[in-house]
Every structure is written in C-alpha cells, then in structure tokens.
Amino acid sequence: MWLVLRQAWWSFRVHEGSLLSGAVAFYALLALAPFGVIAVSVAGWVLGAEAAQGELTSQLEVFIGGDTARFLTKVVDRASQRSSGAFATTFSILFLIFASTRLFWMLRAALNHVWGVRSKHPPGFRGVAWKVLQRRLIAFGMVGVLGASLVAAALVKAGISAIGAYFGGVPFVWRVLDAFASIGFLTLVVALIYRWLPDARIAWRDVFAGAFGTSVLATFGSWLIGHYVARVSPASMYGAAGSLVVLLLWVYYTAQIFFFGAELTAAWALHNGDGIEPLPHATRVVASEQHPIFEGYDVPAISPEEENARASSVPPTSERPPEPGEADA
C-alpha cells in the first residue's frame, strides 16, 4: 500500500495535479449554478423543489459553512428563474446544459492526461460531430447521475433520521452512519466518472478501490474546511466576496483530491489490478514511457507517421554501437 501511495503522489506531481486542479476549479465555479439548477430539478421530481433546495443547502453547510452554502443556494435559485419569452427561455436552458456539461468535458481531458491516453480524431465532419455529441450526452448523463445521487442521499438521510428518532440511542452513532452513507454515494459517483468519462478502460474493482480512497479524503477534508470556516470565518477578511473566496478554495481542494484519487486509482490498477488500457478509439500517449504510472509496462505500437519520424532520427550504422547480432557477423 505504501508503494501505491508513493507512486500516486509522485505521479500527481509529475502530471502537475495542482495546475490541473486550478484549471478545473475555474470551470467548476462557472458550472456550479447551471449544475445546481439541473441537479435540483432532477431531485425536485421526487422530493419537490423546496425540499430539494433545502437538502442541497444542508449538504453544503457541512462542507463550506452556512453563509457560503446559502450564497450558493441563492445563486442557483436566481439561475433557475425563467426568462420572459420563448427565445430567452430556450437560450437559458441550452446555456445551462452547455455550461454544466463543459465541466465534465474538461474532466475527461484532464483524466486522459493523467492516465496517459489520447483520443483519436475520427475522419470526416460527421465522425467529429458524432463524437462531440456522444461526449456531451455522457457528460449530461453524469449531471443526471449526480442529481439522482442527491435524491438517494436525501432519502437515506431521512431514513437514518427516522430510525434514530424511533429507536433513540446515541446521536453520534447516527451521525457516523450518515457520514458512511455519504461516503458510499460519493464513492459510486466518483467510480462512475473514473469508469466512463476518460478514453480508457479500467476494471470495476480497481475503480472502486480508488474511488473509495478519493471519497474518504474528500469527505474528511471538506469536513475540516467546513469546521474551520465555521470557527474562524475567513470570509470576513474579504468582505462581500468572502463567500465566493471560500467557495473557490473548497472547489480547488476538491479538485486536487479528485486528481490525486485518479492517480491513486491508476497506481492501484497497475500494481495490484488489471492495469489501464485505452479504448479502441484512443491510443496511449507516446511520451507515456516518461510517466511513472506506466513504468514497467509495454507501450502500445505507435502510429506509422511517428514510427517513420523515429526511424529518420536513428543514426547511421557507422555512428551507432553495433547490435548484439551485428558484432558476430
């Protein structure tokens, strides 16, 4: 296990995980309002609009504090207000879908970089258009999955509260059960993202191993951030922008944990699992020999163009040391 952790940390530094986290945090901050609208809408079909917003606020209060959670809820509420006119309403809906799925588009590109795979460009305009549409559908499906997980988390939380009120007992026990339930749902969501979003295939058991570690780190770290915000209130230092600063710090931390979890998943799969293989429409990056997560594993055959480029760079026989068979000839 120590070897896996060391490999994951080394890979995180080599792939500049902090830089990726900052870029993804920017897209995540822009997508929070559209994503919140879609997720609350999905949850509202089951729980009702007010109950869904209340559940979103209560879940966020644990991680980012009450003030920042209410600030984000207000942003989501304003974004969900429909504009007057059919054109404005249609444009708003399309923008919400585009902005919310753009985050997953960036996550796919970042995970491809972390796992050392690259998507091939399909020939023709029709192939490119179909590939873009397919990726958008997958990203939108991820948004729906997160909305469904919000519903499931709310139902489980309500069930745990009802059981605790009926049987009594120590409140700490029920809070621990609620925390384990949250980790379980987050593990499922992260596993689905690791499994279906990048252009690589990894076994389910390897995915869940890495997703569980990611969820534990994310939940524990976010709880510490929420506890710190509630006690120290660093938002007061920035005045009106304090809630936005706290939200940005939380998103940045979560992004770092997400990418470290991706490195942890890759290290676990390569040392204790079945490894990571590119999908048929993707290829492993040629420079992956330099990536520590692929150390000790064969690199797939490169394209003919790259092979010709390598062959042209090989020095003549008189300028290079003889091969083992050439010395005896």
Protein backbone atom coordinates (compact mmCIF):
# COMPACT_ATOMS: atom_id res chain seq x y z
CA MET A 1 0.00 0.00 0.00
CA TRP A 2 2.88 2.35 0.76
CA LEU A 3 4.24 1.77 -2.75
CA VAL A 4 0.85 2.67 -4.25
CA LEU A 5 0.61 5.88 -2.21
CA ARG A 6 4.16 6.90 -3.10
CA GLN A 7 3.52 6.18 -6.77
CA ALA A 8 0.28 8.18 -6.69
CA TRP A 9 1.94 11.18 -5.04
CA TRP A 10 4.87 11.10 -7.46
CA SER A 11 2.53 10.87 -10.45
CA PHE A 12 0.41 13.71 -9.08
CA ARG A 13 3.49 15.93 -9.03
CA VAL A 14 4.75 14.78 -12.45
CA HIS A 15 1.37 15.43 -14.09
CA GLU A 16 1.11 18.81 -12.33
CA GLY A 17 -2.06 17.94 -10.48
CA SER A 18 -2.19 21.33 -8.75
CA LEU A 19 -2.17 23.09 -12.12
CA LEU A 20 -4.93 20.83 -13.44
CA SER A 21 -6.92 21.42 -10.26
CA GLY A 22 -6.74 25.18 -10.70
CA ALA A 23 -7.97 24.96 -14.29
CA VAL A 24 -10.79 22.57 -13.42
CA ALA A 25 -11.74 24.68 -10.38
CA PHE A 26 -12.35 27.62 -12.73
CA TYR A 27 -14.69 25.58 -14.93
CA ALA A 28 -16.32 24.07 -11.85
CA LEU A 29 -17.03 27.50 -10.40
CA LEU A 30 -18.68 28.59 -13.65
CA ALA A 31 -20.68 25.36 -13.83
CA LEU A 32 -21.87 25.34 -10.21
CA ALA A 33 -25.00 27.38 -10.87
CA PRO A 34 -26.10 25.51 -14.04
CA PHE A 35 -25.25 22.19 -12.48
CA GLY A 36 -27.14 23.12 -9.32
CA VAL A 37 -30.21 24.03 -11.37
CA ILE A 38 -30.22 20.72 -13.24
CA ALA A 39 -29.43 18.64 -10.16
CA VAL A 40 -32.13 20.35 -8.09
CA SER A 41 -34.59 19.91 -10.96
CA VAL A 42 -33.87 16.18 -11.11
CA ALA A 43 -34.17 15.90 -7.34
CA GLY A 44 -37.29 18.05 -7.37
CA TRP A 45 -39.19 15.45 -9.40
CA VAL A 46 -39.06 13.19 -6.35
CA LEU A 47 -38.62 15.48 -3.36
CA GLY A 48 -40.23 18.67 -4.56
CA ALA A 49 -38.44 21.91 -5.45
CA GLU A 50 -38.27 23.38 -1.94
CA ALA A 51 -37.20 20.10 -0.34
CA ALA A 52 -34.51 19.61 -3.00
CA GLN A 53 -33.09 23.09 -2.40
CA GLY A 54 -33.20 22.54 1.34
CA GLU A 55 -31.34 19.25 1.01
CA LEU A 56 -28.72 20.89 -1.21
CA THR A 57 -28.21 23.64 1.37
CA SER A 58 -27.95 21.22 4.29
CA GLN A 59 -25.42 19.06 2.45
CA LEU A 60 -23.28 22.08 1.56
CA GLU A 61 -23.40 23.54 5.07
CA VAL A 62 -21.40 20.58 6.35
CA PHE A 63 -18.55 21.28 3.93
CA ILE A 64 -18.42 25.04 3.28
CA GLY A 65 -20.31 26.62 6.17
CA GLY A 66 -23.76 28.12 6.41
CA ASP A 67 -23.03 31.53 4.84
CA THR A 68 -21.32 30.11 1.75
CA ALA A 69 -23.97 27.40 1.37
CA ARG A 70 -26.76 29.98 1.45
CA PHE A 71 -24.82 32.15 -1.00
CA LEU A 72 -24.53 29.26 -3.45
CA THR A 73 -28.20 28.35 -2.99
CA LYS A 74 -29.21 31.91 -3.86
CA VAL A 75 -27.07 31.77 -7.00
CA VAL A 76 -28.76 28.51 -8.03
CA ASP A 77 -32.19 29.98 -7.29
CA ARG A 78 -31.51 33.05 -9.44
CA ALA A 79 -30.17 30.91 -12.27
CA SER A 80 -33.30 28.75 -12.18
CA GLN A 81 -35.64 31.70 -12.72
CA ARG A 82 -37.02 31.53 -16.22
CA SER A 83 -36.62 34.44 -18.57
CA SER A 84 -39.58 36.02 -20.29
CA GLY A 85 -40.15 34.95 -23.84
CA ALA A 86 -39.73 31.65 -25.63
CA PHE A 87 -36.38 32.56 -27.18
CA ALA A 88 -34.85 33.72 -23.89
CA THR A 89 -36.12 30.63 -22.08
CA THR A 90 -34.75 28.29 -24.77
CA PHE A 91 -31.42 30.08 -24.77
CA SER A 92 -31.20 29.88 -20.97
CA ILE A 93 -31.91 26.14 -20.99
CA LEU A 94 -29.33 25.48 -23.70
CA PHE A 95 -26.75 27.57 -21.84
CA LEU A 96 -27.43 25.67 -18.61
CA ILE A 97 -26.88 22.36 -20.39
CA PHE A 98 -23.73 23.58 -22.14
CA ALA A 99 -22.15 25.10 -19.01
CA SER A 100 -22.93 22.12 -16.79
CA THR A 101 -21.54 19.60 -19.27
CA ARG A 102 -18.46 21.69 -20.04
CA LEU A 103 -17.04 20.79 -16.64
CA PHE A 104 -17.20 17.07 -17.42
CA TRP A 105 -15.67 17.78 -20.83
CA MET A 106 -12.67 19.32 -19.08
CA LEU A 107 -12.54 16.49 -16.56
CA ARG A 108 -12.35 13.99 -19.42
CA ALA A 109 -9.42 15.84 -21.00
CA ALA A 110 -7.64 16.09 -17.63
CA LEU A 111 -8.18 12.40 -16.83
CA ASN A 112 -6.85 11.46 -20.27
CA HIS A 113 -3.72 13.47 -19.50
CA VAL A 114 -3.33 11.90 -16.06
CA TRP A 115 -3.82 8.35 -17.34
CA GLY A 116 -1.65 8.85 -20.42
CA VAL A 117 -4.24 8.26 -23.16
CA ARG A 118 -5.25 10.35 -26.14
CA SER A 119 -8.42 10.22 -28.19
CA LYS A 120 -8.04 9.69 -31.92
CA HIS A 121 -9.65 12.18 -34.27
CA PRO A 122 -12.34 10.45 -36.35
CA PRO A 123 -12.22 11.08 -40.10
CA GLY A 124 -14.74 13.45 -41.65
CA PHE A 125 -17.07 16.08 -40.27
CA ARG A 126 -19.78 13.54 -39.49
CA GLY A 127 -17.43 11.47 -37.34
CA VAL A 128 -16.27 14.54 -35.41
CA ALA A 129 -19.85 15.73 -34.90
CA TRP A 130 -20.98 12.32 -33.65
CA LYS A 131 -18.03 12.13 -31.27
CA VAL A 132 -18.80 15.58 -29.84
CA LEU A 133 -22.47 14.68 -29.43
CA GLN A 134 -21.60 11.40 -27.75
CA ARG A 135 -19.34 13.11 -25.25
CA ARG A 136 -21.96 15.73 -24.50
CA LEU A 137 -24.52 13.02 -23.85
CA ILE A 138 -22.16 11.23 -21.48
CA ALA A 139 -21.45 14.49 -19.66
CA PHE A 140 -25.15 15.29 -19.39
CA GLY A 141 -25.75 11.78 -18.11
CA MET A 142 -23.18 12.44 -15.38
CA VAL A 143 -25.15 15.53 -14.35
CA GLY A 144 -28.28 13.39 -14.11
CA VAL A 145 -26.42 10.81 -12.04
CA LEU A 146 -25.34 13.49 -9.59
CA GLY A 147 -28.92 14.73 -9.35
CA ALA A 148 -30.11 11.18 -8.69
CA SER A 149 -27.42 10.75 -6.05
CA LEU A 150 -28.74 13.88 -4.33
CA VAL A 151 -32.18 12.26 -4.21
CA ALA A 152 -30.79 8.99 -2.87
CA ALA A 153 -28.68 10.78 -0.26
CA ALA A 154 -31.71 12.74 0.91
CA LEU A 155 -33.83 9.59 1.19
CA VAL A 156 -31.14 7.71 3.11
CA LYS A 157 -30.56 10.67 5.40
CA ALA A 158 -34.28 10.93 6.09
CA GLY A 159 -34.42 7.19 6.78
CA ILE A 160 -31.49 7.35 9.21
CA SER A 161 -33.07 10.31 11.00
CA ALA A 162 -36.39 8.47 11.28
CA ILE A 163 -34.71 5.33 12.64
CA GLY A 164 -32.72 7.40 15.11
CA ALA A 165 -35.85 9.19 16.32
CA TYR A 166 -37.74 5.90 16.69
CA PHE A 167 -35.07 3.84 18.45
CA GLY A 168 -33.25 6.66 20.21
CA GLY A 169 -29.70 5.89 21.25
CA VAL A 170 -26.53 7.94 20.94
CA PRO A 171 -26.84 10.72 18.31
CA PHE A 172 -23.15 10.29 17.46
CA VAL A 173 -23.86 6.79 16.13
CA TRP A 174 -26.47 8.06 13.68
CA ARG A 175 -24.17 10.85 12.53
CA VAL A 176 -21.47 8.28 11.83
CA LEU A 177 -23.94 6.18 9.83
CA ASP A 178 -24.95 9.28 7.89
CA ALA A 179 -21.29 10.01 7.13
CA PHE A 180 -20.73 6.44 5.89
CA ALA A 181 -23.81 6.74 3.68
CA SER A 182 -22.46 9.99 2.19
CA ILE A 183 -19.10 8.35 1.53
CA GLY A 184 -20.87 5.44 -0.14
CA PHE A 185 -22.83 7.66 -2.53
CA LEU A 186 -19.78 9.77 -3.30
CA THR A 187 -17.78 6.60 -3.99
CA LEU A 188 -20.39 5.49 -6.50
CA VAL A 189 -20.41 8.85 -8.30
CA VAL A 190 -16.60 9.08 -8.45
CA ALA A 191 -16.38 5.47 -9.66
CA LEU A 192 -18.81 6.20 -12.49
CA ILE A 193 -16.76 9.24 -13.51
CA TYR A 194 -13.47 7.31 -13.46
CA ARG A 195 -15.03 4.43 -15.35
CA TRP A 196 -17.00 6.15 -18.12
CA LEU A 197 -15.61 9.65 -18.61
CA PRO A 198 -11.99 9.15 -19.82
CA ASP A 199 -10.99 7.37 -23.03
CA ALA A 200 -9.59 4.42 -21.08
CA ARG A 201 -10.92 1.22 -19.61
CA ILE A 202 -10.26 0.07 -16.07
CA ALA A 203 -11.72 -2.83 -14.11
CA TRP A 204 -14.58 -2.08 -11.72
CA ARG A 205 -12.72 -3.44 -8.70
CA ASP A 206 -9.81 -1.13 -9.39
CA VAL A 207 -12.16 1.81 -9.93
CA PHE A 208 -13.97 1.27 -6.64
CA ALA A 209 -10.70 0.92 -4.73
CA GLY A 210 -9.52 4.31 -5.94
CA ALA A 211 -12.95 5.94 -5.71
CA PHE A 212 -13.33 4.87 -2.09
CA GLY A 213 -9.99 6.42 -1.14
CA THR A 214 -10.94 9.59 -3.01
CA SER A 215 -14.31 9.80 -1.27
CA VAL A 216 -12.81 9.34 2.20
CA LEU A 217 -10.21 12.06 1.59
CA ALA A 218 -12.76 14.42 0.04
CA THR A 219 -15.32 13.93 2.81
CA PHE A 220 -12.83 14.25 5.66
CA GLY A 221 -11.03 17.22 4.12
CA SER A 222 -14.25 19.03 3.26
CA TRP A 223 -15.48 18.47 6.81
CA LEU A 224 -12.29 20.04 8.13
CA ILE A 225 -12.74 23.01 5.79
CA GLY A 226 -16.34 23.46 6.95
CA HIS A 227 -15.29 23.21 10.59
CA TYR A 228 -12.53 25.76 10.05
CA VAL A 229 -14.85 28.16 8.22
CA ALA A 230 -17.46 27.89 10.96
CA ARG A 231 -14.93 28.61 13.74
CA VAL A 232 -12.55 31.12 12.15
CA SER A 233 -14.80 32.71 9.50
CA PRO A 234 -12.08 33.69 6.99
CA ALA A 235 -14.77 35.09 4.71
CA SER A 236 -14.89 38.24 6.86
CA MET A 237 -11.42 39.17 5.57
CA TYR A 238 -12.74 39.61 2.02
CA GLY A 239 -15.99 41.42 2.77
CA ALA A 240 -18.74 40.86 0.22
CA ALA A 241 -16.53 38.47 -1.78
CA GLY A 242 -15.83 36.28 1.25
CA SER A 243 -18.37 33.58 0.37
CA LEU A 244 -17.02 33.40 -3.18
CA VAL A 245 -13.44 33.04 -1.91
CA VAL A 246 -14.39 30.24 0.48
CA LEU A 247 -16.31 28.51 -2.30
CA LEU A 248 -13.34 28.77 -4.65
CA LEU A 249 -10.97 27.34 -2.03
CA TRP A 250 -13.33 24.42 -1.40
CA VAL A 251 -13.68 23.69 -5.13
CA TYR A 252 -9.91 23.86 -5.59
CA TYR A 253 -9.29 21.46 -2.72
CA THR A 254 -11.93 19.05 -4.03
CA ALA A 255 -10.36 19.14 -7.50
CA GLN A 256 -6.94 18.29 -6.05
CA ILE A 257 -8.39 15.34 -4.15
CA PHE A 258 -10.18 14.21 -7.31
CA PHE A 259 -6.98 14.14 -9.37
CA PHE A 260 -4.94 12.60 -6.59
CA GLY A 261 -7.64 9.93 -6.43
CA ALA A 262 -7.23 9.39 -10.18
CA GLU A 263 -3.50 8.88 -9.67
CA LEU A 264 -4.26 6.57 -6.74
CA THR A 265 -6.65 4.57 -8.92
CA ALA A 266 -4.04 4.27 -11.68
CA ALA A 267 -1.30 3.22 -9.26
CA TRP A 268 -3.58 0.64 -7.65
CA ALA A 269 -4.66 -0.75 -11.02
CA LEU A 270 -1.10 -1.05 -12.30
CA HIS A 271 0.40 -2.57 -9.14
CA ASN A 272 -2.49 -4.65 -7.78
CA GLY A 273 -5.10 -4.80 -10.54
CA ASP A 274 -5.57 -5.27 -14.26
CA GLY A 275 -3.96 -2.02 -15.42
CA ILE A 276 -5.39 0.73 -17.62
CA GLU A 277 -5.95 0.25 -21.33
CA PRO A 278 -7.03 2.86 -23.90
CA LEU A 279 -10.38 2.39 -25.60
CA PRO A 280 -10.47 1.33 -29.28
CA HIS A 281 -10.93 4.96 -30.37
CA ALA A 282 -7.94 6.10 -28.28
CA THR A 283 -4.24 5.40 -28.02
CA ARG A 284 -1.68 5.61 -25.28
CA VAL A 285 0.43 8.75 -25.43
CA VAL A 286 3.86 8.08 -26.94
CA ALA A 287 5.53 10.03 -24.13
CA SER A 288 3.97 7.67 -21.61
CA GLU A 289 7.35 5.97 -21.17
CA GLN A 290 8.21 9.02 -19.07
CA HIS A 291 5.05 8.76 -16.96
CA PRO A 292 5.68 6.86 -13.71
CA ILE A 293 2.24 5.25 -13.73
CA PHE A 294 3.23 3.28 -16.83
CA GLU A 295 6.68 2.29 -15.58
CA GLY A 296 7.34 -1.38 -16.23
CA TYR A 297 4.51 -1.79 -18.76
CA ASP A 298 4.69 -2.18 -22.52
CA VAL A 299 3.84 0.86 -24.59
CA PRO A 300 1.43 0.14 -27.48
CA ALA A 301 2.58 0.42 -31.06
CA ILE A 302 2.85 3.99 -32.32
CA SER A 303 1.34 5.36 -35.50
CA PRO A 304 3.17 4.91 -38.84
CA GLU A 305 3.93 8.64 -39.01
CA GLU A 306 5.54 8.61 -35.58
CA GLU A 307 7.43 5.41 -36.41
CA ASN A 308 8.84 6.97 -39.60
CA ALA A 309 9.85 10.06 -37.63
CA ARG A 310 11.67 7.88 -35.13
CA ALA A 311 13.34 5.87 -37.89
CA SER A 312 14.61 9.04 -39.56
CA SER A 313 16.20 10.14 -36.30
CA VAL A 314 18.18 6.86 -35.85
CA PRO A 315 21.89 7.50 -36.62
CA PRO A 316 23.62 5.52 -39.41
CA THR A 317 25.19 2.17 -38.61
CA SER A 318 28.71 3.63 -38.62
CA GLU A 319 27.73 6.20 -35.97
CA ARG A 320 25.93 3.91 -33.53
CA PRO A 321 27.15 0.96 -31.46
CA PRO A 322 26.63 -2.46 -33.09
CA GLU A 323 23.64 -4.56 -32.14
CA PRO A 324 24.33 -7.86 -30.34
CA GLY A 325 23.89 -9.84 -33.56
CA GLU A 326 25.95 -7.44 -35.67
CA ALA A 327 29.11 -7.87 -33.60
CA ASP A 328 29.39 -11.57 -34.50
CA ALA A 329 28.65 -11.10 -38.21
